[in-house]
Amino acid sequence: MKAPSRPAAKRPSGQRLKAAIVRSVASSTAIETGQRIDTLERTLRAGSSKYSRLKLAR
C-alpha cells in the first residue's frame, strides 16, 4: 500500500528567508560567544562591519 503523499513545502519569500538566516546566524553566534541574540541580530541587520571596505571575489 502506498503512503499518502505530503504537499510540497512552501519556500519562504526573499525577506523571510533573509530574516531566517539572520536569526540562525545570530543564534549560533550567541551560543558560541555568550552574547544576546537580539543584540547580534541588530548588528547583522545594520550591515556595518569593520571589514566593509573589503570586496569579496566573485
N, C-alpha and C. Protein backbone atom coordinates (compact mmCIF):
# COMPACT_ATOMS: atom_id res chain seq x y z
N MET A 1 0.83 -1.17 0.00
CA MET A 1 0.00 0.00 0.00
C MET A 1 0.88 1.24 0.00
N LYS A 2 0.54 2.20 -0.81
CA LYS A 2 1.34 3.41 -0.96
C LYS A 2 0.96 4.44 0.12
N ALA A 3 2.00 5.04 0.73
CA ALA A 3 1.76 6.07 1.75
C ALA A 3 1.23 7.33 1.08
N PRO A 4 0.33 8.06 1.77
CA PRO A 4 -0.19 9.29 1.17
C PRO A 4 0.92 10.32 1.00
N SER A 5 0.88 11.00 -0.13
CA SER A 5 1.94 11.99 -0.39
C SER A 5 1.63 13.27 0.37
N ARG A 6 2.71 13.93 0.79
CA ARG A 6 2.57 15.18 1.52
C ARG A 6 2.70 16.33 0.53
N PRO A 7 1.97 17.40 0.76
CA PRO A 7 2.10 18.54 -0.15
C PRO A 7 3.51 19.14 -0.04
N ALA A 8 3.98 19.69 -1.13
CA ALA A 8 5.31 20.29 -1.15
C ALA A 8 5.36 21.48 -0.19
N ALA A 9 6.45 21.59 0.54
CA ALA A 9 6.62 22.70 1.48
C ALA A 9 6.83 23.99 0.70
N LYS A 10 6.20 25.06 1.19
CA LYS A 10 6.36 26.34 0.52
C LYS A 10 7.71 26.93 0.90
N ARG A 11 8.35 27.55 -0.06
CA ARG A 11 9.62 28.21 0.19
C ARG A 11 9.34 29.61 0.73
N PRO A 12 10.13 30.03 1.70
CA PRO A 12 9.92 31.39 2.23
C PRO A 12 10.29 32.43 1.19
N SER A 13 9.64 33.59 1.29
CA SER A 13 9.94 34.68 0.36
C SER A 13 11.34 35.22 0.65
N GLY A 14 11.83 36.10 -0.18
CA GLY A 14 13.18 36.64 -0.03
C GLY A 14 13.43 37.28 1.32
N GLN A 15 12.49 38.14 1.76
CA GLN A 15 12.68 38.82 3.04
C GLN A 15 12.59 37.84 4.20
N ARG A 16 11.66 36.91 4.14
CA ARG A 16 11.53 35.94 5.22
C ARG A 16 12.72 35.01 5.27
N LEU A 17 13.27 34.66 4.12
CA LEU A 17 14.45 33.80 4.07
C LEU A 17 15.65 34.53 4.68
N LYS A 18 15.83 35.81 4.32
CA LYS A 18 16.94 36.58 4.88
C LYS A 18 16.78 36.73 6.39
N ALA A 19 15.56 36.96 6.87
CA ALA A 19 15.31 37.09 8.30
C ALA A 19 15.63 35.78 9.02
N ALA A 20 15.29 34.66 8.40
CA ALA A 20 15.58 33.36 9.00
C ALA A 20 17.08 33.10 9.06
N ILE A 21 17.80 33.50 8.03
CA ILE A 21 19.25 33.33 8.02
C ILE A 21 19.89 34.20 9.09
N VAL A 22 19.45 35.47 9.20
CA VAL A 22 19.99 36.37 10.22
C VAL A 22 19.74 35.79 11.60
N ARG A 23 18.53 35.30 11.84
CA ARG A 23 18.18 34.72 13.14
C ARG A 23 19.05 33.50 13.44
N SER A 24 19.27 32.67 12.44
CA SER A 24 20.07 31.47 12.61
C SER A 24 21.52 31.80 12.93
N VAL A 25 22.09 32.75 12.19
CA VAL A 25 23.49 33.15 12.42
C VAL A 25 23.62 33.80 13.79
N ALA A 26 22.67 34.66 14.16
CA ALA A 26 22.72 35.32 15.46
C ALA A 26 22.61 34.31 16.60
N SER A 27 21.72 33.35 16.43
CA SER A 27 21.53 32.34 17.46
C SER A 27 22.78 31.47 17.63
N SER A 28 23.36 31.06 16.54
CA SER A 28 24.57 30.25 16.58
C SER A 28 25.73 31.02 17.22
N THR A 29 25.88 32.28 16.81
CA THR A 29 26.94 33.11 17.35
C THR A 29 26.73 33.36 18.84
N ALA A 30 25.48 33.55 19.25
CA ALA A 30 25.17 33.79 20.66
C ALA A 30 25.55 32.58 21.51
N ILE A 31 25.30 31.41 21.01
CA ILE A 31 25.66 30.18 21.74
C ILE A 31 27.17 30.10 21.91
N GLU A 32 27.91 30.43 20.86
CA GLU A 32 29.36 30.32 20.90
C GLU A 32 30.03 31.42 21.72
N THR A 33 29.44 32.63 21.71
CA THR A 33 30.10 33.76 22.35
C THR A 33 29.48 34.20 23.65
N GLY A 34 28.25 33.76 23.93
CA GLY A 34 27.57 34.18 25.15
C GLY A 34 26.91 35.54 25.04
N GLN A 35 26.87 36.12 23.85
CA GLN A 35 26.21 37.41 23.64
C GLN A 35 24.71 37.19 23.48
N ARG A 36 23.95 38.29 23.56
CA ARG A 36 22.50 38.21 23.40
C ARG A 36 22.12 38.12 21.92
N ILE A 37 21.12 37.31 21.62
CA ILE A 37 20.68 37.11 20.24
C ILE A 37 20.17 38.41 19.64
N ASP A 38 19.34 39.16 20.38
CA ASP A 38 18.77 40.38 19.82
C ASP A 38 19.84 41.42 19.49
N THR A 39 20.88 41.48 20.30
CA THR A 39 21.99 42.40 20.02
C THR A 39 22.72 42.00 18.75
N LEU A 40 22.96 40.72 18.61
CA LEU A 40 23.64 40.23 17.40
C LEU A 40 22.78 40.43 16.16
N GLU A 41 21.47 40.22 16.28
CA GLU A 41 20.56 40.43 15.14
C GLU A 41 20.61 41.89 14.68
N ARG A 42 20.58 42.81 15.63
CA ARG A 42 20.64 44.23 15.28
C ARG A 42 21.94 44.55 14.55
N THR A 43 23.03 43.98 15.03
CA THR A 43 24.33 44.21 14.39
C THR A 43 24.33 43.67 12.97
N LEU A 44 23.79 42.48 12.77
CA LEU A 44 23.75 41.89 11.43
C LEU A 44 22.84 42.69 10.49
N ARG A 45 21.70 43.15 10.99
CA ARG A 45 20.77 43.91 10.15
C ARG A 45 21.33 45.29 9.81
N ALA A 46 22.14 45.85 10.70
CA ALA A 46 22.71 47.18 10.46
C ALA A 46 23.67 47.16 9.27
N GLY A 47 24.25 46.00 9.03
CA GLY A 47 25.14 45.86 7.89
C GLY A 47 26.49 46.50 8.08
N SER A 48 26.73 47.05 9.24
CA SER A 48 28.03 47.66 9.47
C SER A 48 29.04 46.59 9.85
N SER A 49 30.20 46.75 9.32
CA SER A 49 31.24 45.77 9.56
C SER A 49 32.59 46.47 9.55
N LYS A 50 33.48 45.99 10.38
CA LYS A 50 34.80 46.60 10.36
C LYS A 50 35.55 46.24 9.08
N TYR A 51 35.02 45.31 8.30
CA TYR A 51 35.65 44.90 7.05
C TYR A 51 34.82 45.33 5.83
N SER A 52 33.96 46.32 5.98
CA SER A 52 33.07 46.72 4.90
C SER A 52 33.82 47.24 3.67
N ARG A 53 35.03 47.73 3.87
CA ARG A 53 35.79 48.26 2.74
C ARG A 53 36.34 47.15 1.84
N LEU A 54 36.38 45.92 2.33
CA LEU A 54 36.92 44.81 1.55
C LEU A 54 35.87 44.27 0.60
N LYS A 55 36.26 43.93 -0.58
CA LYS A 55 35.35 43.38 -1.59
C LYS A 55 35.64 41.88 -1.73
N LEU A 56 34.60 41.10 -1.83
CA LEU A 56 34.74 39.66 -2.00
C LEU A 56 34.91 39.31 -3.47
N ALA A 57 35.65 38.27 -3.74
CA ALA A 57 35.84 37.81 -5.12
C ALA A 57 34.53 37.21 -5.62
N ARG A 58 34.27 37.38 -6.89
CA ARG A 58 33.05 36.81 -7.49
C ARG A 58 33.40 35.86 -8.59
